[in-house]
Amino acid sequence: MAKKAFALRIDETMLSALQRWADDEFRSVNGQIEFLLNDALKKASRLKPAKDQSDGD
């Protein structure tokens, strides 16, 4: 999966809260944001299910 970088403007208070949450779950802030967005997209049925990556073994 290719990833694309982009700038994100975020309130200091929200960033601090995300940092604490990410620390609690042993993730980076970027990883936490990706996790939350992925979860929200799945719950809203906006994300196609991931294709099975197994090779059949």
PDB file of N, CA and C in Angstrom:
ATOM      1  N   MET A   1       0.848  -1.179   0.000  1.00  0.00           N
ATOM      2  CA  MET A   1       0.000   0.000   0.000  1.00  0.00           C
ATOM      3  C   MET A   1       0.888   1.235   0.000  1.00  0.00           C
ATOM      4  N   ALA A   2       0.697   2.085  -0.987  1.00  0.00           N
ATOM      5  CA  ALA A   2       1.446   3.333  -1.059  1.00  0.00           C
ATOM      6  C   ALA A   2       0.818   4.348  -0.120  1.00  0.00           C
ATOM      7  N   LYS A   3       1.663   5.128   0.514  1.00  0.00           N
ATOM      8  CA  LYS A   3       1.167   6.161   1.419  1.00  0.00           C
ATOM      9  C   LYS A   3       1.557   7.514   0.869  1.00  0.00           C
ATOM     10  N   LYS A   4       0.701   8.493   1.079  1.00  0.00           N
ATOM     11  CA  LYS A   4       0.945   9.838   0.598  1.00  0.00           C
ATOM     12  C   LYS A   4       1.011  10.779   1.791  1.00  0.00           C
ATOM     13  N   ALA A   5       2.012  11.611   1.829  1.00  0.00           N
ATOM     14  CA  ALA A   5       2.176  12.587   2.911  1.00  0.00           C
ATOM     15  C   ALA A   5       1.336  13.831   2.623  1.00  0.00           C
ATOM     16  N   PHE A   6       0.813  14.415   3.697  1.00  0.00           N
ATOM     17  CA  PHE A   6       0.120  15.689   3.559  1.00  0.00           C
ATOM     18  C   PHE A   6       0.187  16.433   4.884  1.00  0.00           C
ATOM     19  N   ALA A   7       0.062  17.758   4.799  1.00  0.00           N
ATOM     20  CA  ALA A   7       0.120  18.596   6.006  1.00  0.00           C
ATOM     21  C   ALA A   7      -1.224  18.552   6.727  1.00  0.00           C
ATOM     22  N   LEU A   8      -1.179  18.550   8.038  1.00  0.00           N
ATOM     23  CA  LEU A   8      -2.391  18.537   8.851  1.00  0.00           C
ATOM     24  C   LEU A   8      -2.296  19.657   9.873  1.00  0.00           C
ATOM     25  N   ARG A   9      -3.259  20.542   9.849  1.00  0.00           N
ATOM     26  CA  ARG A   9      -3.329  21.592  10.856  1.00  0.00           C
ATOM     27  C   ARG A   9      -4.251  21.098  11.954  1.00  0.00           C
ATOM     28  N   ILE A  10      -3.760  21.152  13.188  1.00  0.00           N
ATOM     29  CA  ILE A  10      -4.527  20.601  14.296  1.00  0.00           C
ATOM     30  C   ILE A  10      -4.318  21.482  15.528  1.00  0.00           C
ATOM     31  N   ASP A  11      -5.371  21.649  16.280  1.00  0.00           N
ATOM     32  CA  ASP A  11      -5.331  22.424  17.511  1.00  0.00           C
ATOM     33  C   ASP A  11      -4.348  21.793  18.496  1.00  0.00           C
ATOM     34  N   GLU A  12      -3.611  22.624  19.245  1.00  0.00           N
ATOM     35  CA  GLU A  12      -2.631  22.123  20.216  1.00  0.00           C
ATOM     36  C   GLU A  12      -3.243  21.190  21.255  1.00  0.00           C
ATOM     37  N   THR A  13      -4.428  21.528  21.731  1.00  0.00           N
ATOM     38  CA  THR A  13      -5.096  20.708  22.742  1.00  0.00           C
ATOM     39  C   THR A  13      -5.433  19.333  22.180  1.00  0.00           C
ATOM     40  N   MET A  14      -5.930  19.303  20.952  1.00  0.00           N
ATOM     41  CA  MET A  14      -6.271  18.032  20.318  1.00  0.00           C
ATOM     42  C   MET A  14      -5.014  17.205  20.059  1.00  0.00           C
ATOM     43  N   LEU A  15      -3.944  17.863  19.633  1.00  0.00           N
ATOM     44  CA  LEU A  15      -2.697  17.155  19.386  1.00  0.00           C
ATOM     45  C   LEU A  15      -2.158  16.542  20.677  1.00  0.00           C
ATOM     46  N   SER A  16      -2.225  17.271  21.770  1.00  0.00           N
ATOM     47  CA  SER A  16      -1.761  16.751  23.058  1.00  0.00           C
ATOM     48  C   SER A  16      -2.578  15.538  23.482  1.00  0.00           C
ATOM     49  N   ALA A  17      -3.894  15.611  23.301  1.00  0.00           N
ATOM     50  CA  ALA A  17      -4.764  14.484  23.647  1.00  0.00           C
ATOM     51  C   ALA A  17      -4.444  13.273  22.772  1.00  0.00           C
ATOM     52  N   LEU A  18      -4.215  13.506  21.472  1.00  0.00           N
ATOM     53  CA  LEU A  18      -3.847  12.406  20.575  1.00  0.00           C
ATOM     54  C   LEU A  18      -2.504  11.801  20.961  1.00  0.00           C
ATOM     55  N   GLN A  19      -1.565  12.641  21.376  1.00  0.00           N
ATOM     56  CA  GLN A  19      -0.247  12.138  21.776  1.00  0.00           C
ATOM     57  C   GLN A  19      -0.360  11.227  22.999  1.00  0.00           C
ATOM     58  N   ARG A  20      -1.155  11.646  23.979  1.00  0.00           N
ATOM     59  CA  ARG A  20      -1.340  10.817  25.175  1.00  0.00           C
ATOM     60  C   ARG A  20      -2.005   9.491  24.817  1.00  0.00           C
ATOM     61  N   TRP A  21      -3.029   9.557  23.971  1.00  0.00           N
ATOM     62  CA  TRP A  21      -3.745   8.350  23.557  1.00  0.00           C
ATOM     63  C   TRP A  21      -2.806   7.418  22.787  1.00  0.00           C
ATOM     64  N   ALA A  22      -2.036   7.984  21.879  1.00  0.00           N
ATOM     65  CA  ALA A  22      -1.093   7.186  21.102  1.00  0.00           C
ATOM     66  C   ALA A  22      -0.062   6.530  22.019  1.00  0.00           C
ATOM     67  N   ASP A  23       0.438   7.281  22.978  1.00  0.00           N
ATOM     68  CA  ASP A  23       1.403   6.728  23.933  1.00  0.00           C
ATOM     69  C   ASP A  23       0.797   5.559  24.701  1.00  0.00           C
ATOM     70  N   ASP A  24      -0.462   5.710  25.114  1.00  0.00           N
ATOM     71  CA  ASP A  24      -1.139   4.648  25.863  1.00  0.00           C
ATOM     72  C   ASP A  24      -1.257   3.361  25.051  1.00  0.00           C
ATOM     73  N   GLU A  25      -1.342   3.485  23.736  1.00  0.00           N
ATOM     74  CA  GLU A  25      -1.528   2.321  22.863  1.00  0.00           C
ATOM     75  C   GLU A  25      -0.254   1.964  22.097  1.00  0.00           C
ATOM     76  N   PHE A  26       0.878   2.548  22.520  1.00  0.00           N
ATOM     77  CA  PHE A  26       2.184   2.261  21.931  1.00  0.00           C
ATOM     78  C   PHE A  26       2.205   2.507  20.420  1.00  0.00           C
ATOM     79  N   ARG A  27       1.618   3.639  20.015  1.00  0.00           N
ATOM     80  CA  ARG A  27       1.617   4.058  18.611  1.00  0.00           C
ATOM     81  C   ARG A  27       2.222   5.445  18.511  1.00  0.00           C
ATOM     82  N   SER A  28       2.626   5.813  17.303  1.00  0.00           N
ATOM     83  CA  SER A  28       2.988   7.198  17.025  1.00  0.00           C
ATOM     84  C   SER A  28       1.689   7.981  16.859  1.00  0.00           C
ATOM     85  N   VAL A  29       1.780   9.300  16.893  1.00  0.00           N
ATOM     86  CA  VAL A  29       0.583  10.118  16.657  1.00  0.00           C
ATOM     87  C   VAL A  29       0.058   9.834  15.253  1.00  0.00           C
ATOM     88  N   ASN A  30       0.962   9.737  14.287  1.00  0.00           N
ATOM     89  CA  ASN A  30       0.543   9.434  12.927  1.00  0.00           C
ATOM     90  C   ASN A  30      -0.185   8.086  12.865  1.00  0.00           C
ATOM     91  N   GLY A  31       0.372   7.082  13.525  1.00  0.00           N
ATOM     92  CA  GLY A  31      -0.255   5.767  13.562  1.00  0.00           C
ATOM     93  C   GLY A  31      -1.622   5.811  14.229  1.00  0.00           C
ATOM     94  N   GLN A  32      -1.735   6.608  15.284  1.00  0.00           N
ATOM     95  CA  GLN A  32      -3.016   6.730  15.988  1.00  0.00           C
ATOM     96  C   GLN A  32      -4.061   7.394  15.094  1.00  0.00           C
ATOM     97  N   ILE A  33      -3.670   8.432  14.379  1.00  0.00           N
ATOM     98  CA  ILE A  33      -4.594   9.114  13.466  1.00  0.00           C
ATOM     99  C   ILE A  33      -5.041   8.157  12.368  1.00  0.00           C
ATOM    100  N   GLU A  34      -4.094   7.397  11.801  1.00  0.00           N
ATOM    101  CA  GLU A  34      -4.450   6.410  10.777  1.00  0.00           C
ATOM    102  C   GLU A  34      -5.411   5.361  11.334  1.00  0.00           C
ATOM    103  N   PHE A  35      -5.144   4.881  12.541  1.00  0.00           N
ATOM    104  CA  PHE A  35      -6.008   3.887  13.175  1.00  0.00           C
ATOM    105  C   PHE A  35      -7.423   4.444  13.356  1.00  0.00           C
ATOM    106  N   LEU A  36      -7.524   5.660  13.868  1.00  0.00           N
ATOM    107  CA  LEU A  36      -8.836   6.266  14.110  1.00  0.00           C
ATOM    108  C   LEU A  36      -9.595   6.517  12.811  1.00  0.00           C
ATOM    109  N   LEU A  37      -8.902   7.008  11.799  1.00  0.00           N
ATOM    110  CA  LEU A  37      -9.553   7.243  10.509  1.00  0.00           C
ATOM    111  C   LEU A  37     -10.015   5.930   9.877  1.00  0.00           C
ATOM    112  N   ASN A  38      -9.171   4.917   9.934  1.00  0.00           N
ATOM    113  CA  ASN A  38      -9.526   3.607   9.391  1.00  0.00           C
ATOM    114  C   ASN A  38     -10.767   3.053  10.088  1.00  0.00           C
ATOM    115  N   ASP A  39     -10.786   3.141  11.425  1.00  0.00           N
ATOM    116  CA  ASP A  39     -11.924   2.660  12.209  1.00  0.00           C
ATOM    117  C   ASP A  39     -13.204   3.425  11.844  1.00  0.00           C
ATOM    118  N   ALA A  40     -13.101   4.740  11.744  1.00  0.00           N
ATOM    119  CA  ALA A  40     -14.268   5.554  11.403  1.00  0.00           C
ATOM    120  C   ALA A  40     -14.778   5.233  10.000  1.00  0.00           C
ATOM    121  N   LEU A  41     -13.867   5.037   9.050  1.00  0.00           N
ATOM    122  CA  LEU A  41     -14.266   4.697   7.680  1.00  0.00           C
ATOM    123  C   LEU A  41     -14.954   3.336   7.613  1.00  0.00           C
ATOM    124  N   LYS A  42     -14.445   2.367   8.360  1.00  0.00           N
ATOM    125  CA  LYS A  42     -15.088   1.050   8.401  1.00  0.00           C
ATOM    126  C   LYS A  42     -16.488   1.136   9.000  1.00  0.00           C
ATOM    127  N   LYS A  43     -16.618   1.842  10.121  1.00  0.00           N
ATOM    128  CA  LYS A  43     -17.917   1.973  10.782  1.00  0.00           C
ATOM    129  C   LYS A  43     -18.936   2.688   9.908  1.00  0.00           C
ATOM    130  N   ALA A  44     -18.477   3.598   9.067  1.00  0.00           N
ATOM    131  CA  ALA A  44     -19.369   4.335   8.172  1.00  0.00           C
ATOM    132  C   ALA A  44     -19.556   3.625   6.832  1.00  0.00           C
ATOM    133  N   SER A  45     -19.003   2.426   6.702  1.00  0.00           N
ATOM    134  CA  SER A  45     -19.062   1.647   5.460  1.00  0.00           C
ATOM    135  C   SER A  45     -18.532   2.448   4.274  1.00  0.00           C
ATOM    136  N   ARG A  46     -17.460   3.167   4.501  1.00  0.00           N
ATOM    137  CA  ARG A  46     -16.839   3.989   3.458  1.00  0.00           C
ATOM    138  C   ARG A  46     -15.534   3.389   2.950  1.00  0.00           C
ATOM    139  N   LEU A  47     -15.142   2.249   3.517  1.00  0.00           N
ATOM    140  CA  LEU A  47     -13.883   1.622   3.158  1.00  0.00           C
ATOM    141  C   LEU A  47     -14.154   0.220   2.656  1.00  0.00           C
ATOM    142  N   LYS A  48     -13.598  -0.092   1.500  1.00  0.00           N
ATOM    143  CA  LYS A  48     -13.752  -1.440   0.966  1.00  0.00           C
ATOM    144  C   LYS A  48     -12.998  -2.415   1.849  1.00  0.00           C
ATOM    145  N   PRO A  49     -13.532  -3.618   2.048  1.00  0.00           N
ATOM    146  CA  PRO A  49     -12.797  -4.618   2.837  1.00  0.00           C
ATOM    147  C   PRO A  49     -11.460  -4.932   2.194  1.00  0.00           C
ATOM    148  N   ALA A  50     -10.437  -5.142   3.004  1.00  0.00           N
ATOM    149  CA  ALA A  50      -9.105  -5.482   2.492  1.00  0.00           C
ATOM    150  C   ALA A  50      -9.152  -6.839   1.822  1.00  0.00           C
ATOM    151  N   LYS A  51      -8.479  -6.961   0.696  1.00  0.00           N
ATOM    152  CA  LYS A  51      -8.391  -8.244  -0.006  1.00  0.00           C
ATOM    153  C   LYS A  51      -7.477  -9.160   0.786  1.00  0.00           C
ATOM    154  N   ASP A  52      -7.766 -10.451   0.753  1.00  0.00           N
ATOM    155  CA  ASP A  52      -6.947 -11.449   1.442  1.00  0.00           C
ATOM    156  C   ASP A  52      -5.552 -11.452   0.826  1.00  0.00           C
ATOM    157  N   GLN A  53      -4.543 -11.194   1.644  1.00  0.00           N
ATOM    158  CA  GLN A  53      -3.160 -11.138   1.170  1.00  0.00           C
ATOM    159  C   GLN A  53      -2.452 -12.479   1.221  1.00  0.00           C
ATOM    160  N   SER A  54      -3.143 -13.537   1.692  1.00  0.00           N
ATOM    161  CA  SER A  54      -2.485 -14.848   1.799  1.00  0.00           C
ATOM    162  C   SER A  54      -2.260 -15.447   0.420  1.00  0.00           C
ATOM    163  N   ASP A  55      -1.256 -16.336   0.347  1.00  0.00           N
ATOM    164  CA  ASP A  55      -0.958 -16.983  -0.920  1.00  0.00           C
ATOM    165  C   ASP A  55      -1.534 -18.385  -1.004  1.00  0.00           C
ATOM    166  N   GLY A  56      -2.441 -18.704  -0.084  1.00  0.00           N
ATOM    167  CA  GLY A  56      -3.117 -19.975  -0.133  1.00  0.00           C
ATOM    168  C   GLY A  56      -2.457 -21.091   0.669  1.00  0.00           C
ATOM    169  N   ASP A  57      -1.335 -20.810   1.312  1.00  0.00           N
ATOM    170  CA  ASP A  57      -0.651 -21.837   2.121  1.00  0.00           C
ATOM    171  C   ASP A  57      -1.288 -21.993   3.469  1.00  0.00           C
TER     172      ASP A  57
END
